[in-house]
Amino acid sequence: MSDSEAAVNSGKGVGIQRAGEDGGGQGMGVAREDTRGTIMYSVDSVPPIHLTILFGFQQALMLVGGTISLPFILASLFCPENENQVRSQLLSITMFMCGIATILQCLIGVRLPIIQGGSHSFVAPIMVMMSLEQFRCPASSDVLSGTNNTDISWEVRIREVQGNLILASVTQVLLGSLGLIGVILRFVGPLTIAPVISLIGLSLSKVVSDFCDKQWGISLLTLALLLLFSNVINKVQVPVPAFSIKKKCHMTKLPIFQLFPVVLTIAIVWSFSFILTETGVFPSNSTEPAFSARTDSKVSILYEAPWFMFPLPLPFGIPTYSVAGYMGMMAATFSSIFESVGDYFVAARLSEVPNPPAHAINRGIAIEGLSSIISGLMGPGHATTSYSNNIGIIGITKIASRMVFVTAGAILVLCGVVGKVGAALAMIPDPIVGGTLLLGLAMVVSVGISVLQFCEMFSTRNITILGLAFLMGIMIPEWLVENEDKVKTGSEDVDQVIKVLFGTAPFTGGFIGFFLDNIIPGTEYERGIKRWIETEDPSMMKNETLDVYSFPPLKKCLDRLACCRYFPLSPTFTSPRSPCWTDKYEMNTENSTEINLKDVKNV
């Protein structure tokens, strides 16, 4: 057996046999076929080096498609004299920061396979800030007449964004370090998490549609190939050349279509688009939507990107601050926090590991805040957050190895330092990006819905709460977009906070689900408040399974220090809502009975 074969086989069988789950709220264990064990590389596994690089490159490709728009949007908001040069500079800094944030999150933060990318939640408050009189871009007529303040350089605008981003990120670090997020999670159940997760994918449908509208034929071809590779012929073993110390150079068989569906799909469709471009099928007029399907539509990015640029702190000067700017950034930060918490649970479920305990969530939020502080110092103009579409790819590829995502972070750092590399990845045509996002975000939506299996869905109470959370989570943000001028509380800062918070579908749906779930009476069993957070499978509570969230080399030392149990970021932190509480598996029915772990396994 070659090294590659051994690694693939070692990743199999990591699923946990489960039986005796409650059926229909009747308190009777109903055995069912095990659906786990599909992950090929578990979180703690390390694939062979050549596969790790390819898997990491696959994840980096997905990130670039979602992040590339940020430097373009922000560069236009800051109104620089040479927009193309500033756009290229911001692109390099963004790639570099996404790589650093990903490495920190995977190794120190929540320690799940999660990619950190540029957060679009901060675009809204930045647009509001740039609409203020002192930062407004001068109109061409004002420049000619000299009636507007044209002395303000674009660096002044970006310094204002940097300073307020740093302040908001410091607040995020405090929220995570003090364990306040873990306290809130004591009152969070499936009726809160399901809308948050599902609306993350649904709220991005407009973004995906914009990508696909450029050329639906290419997008649907991309989607069809992804479905074919990941669900139809994913078990096909393809002969590939391999090398091992014993067998030297030889042929082995690997499930290539399962391991590299995204890379194979992008390579095939990109080549097909190149043929259509050269034969003149796609229009050469840049004003037509189908122009974005051409393989040379973004070639200017490659020419404008520098060969080498190492980002340094404070490249545009000392950051500035303001109360209004901080409030706007803080509103976007809260939206980002709730979306990230939902992403953590999605990543855990797709990786087939227990839900993250309180200390892991606290560390994840704190590390995101720290990364955003560094991002504010480096100057890309935005924070970093977890990327849902990259998490959805785990469900397609079955690759959940932490080292793969660390490698993806290293690739992104390289893309930021060597500008031509990042520019080459950014040249992927928009319709291809849209096709891959279709399937990735669909996985996120379905994972959110699957969380509902832990609460009683025959309950009128739960159905009502869930329906309102989904409907109002979609309706309220749409209303705010169309009636932005009707939000008048008497304070511009409060108005801005309301617009940003409730203009985000995941936050709105999650807030409504959280509020109604905690004020409308219901038993814990009916709400699923403990079954879902402690995981539906008691056998997954084993310490070796929970070690994915801790630091095994340091755990023994931390166990000896009793004070670490009270530190919210420590793996030994004890919380009533932490899955580390394994003494008994509570199932609150009408009689509030408690069933021991041994009894549950015997059902």
Foldseek 3Di string as FASTA:
>chain_A
DFLQVVLQVVQFPPFDQFWQFDDQQPNGIGGDDDPDRPFRHFAAGDGPPVLLLLLLVLLLLLQLLVALVLLVLVLVLLDAPPSLLSSLLLLLLQLQLQLVLLLCCCPAFLVWLFGKHFDPLLSLLLNVVCPDQVNDDDDPVCVVVVVHPPVDHSLQSLLALLVLLLVLLVVLLCCLQQLVVQVLLLLDALLQLLQLQQLVLVVCPVVLCLLCVLPVVLLVQLLVQLCCLQPPQQVPWDWDWDADPVPGIDIDTDSVSLQPSSVVSLVVSLVVLQVCQVVCVFPPDPVRSNNLSHLCSLVVQLVSHAQFDDQDFPPSHNHDYDPLSNLLSNLSLVSQLSSQLSLQQLSCVLSNAARRFSLNSSRSSNSQSVSSSRSSRRRSSGGMGTDQLSSLVCNRNSHTYSSSSSSSSVVSSVCSGRVNVSSSSSSRRSSSSSSSSVNSSVSSNVSSVVSCVLANPVDPLSVVQSVCLNVQLVVQLVVCVVPVVVQCPPDPSVSSSCNSQSNHSSNSSSVSSSVSSVPPDDDCSNRSSQCSNLDVGLVSLDPVSNCSSADVVCPVVCVVPPVLCCGSNHPNPDDPSTNPPNQFRFRQDPVRDTDGPVRSVVD
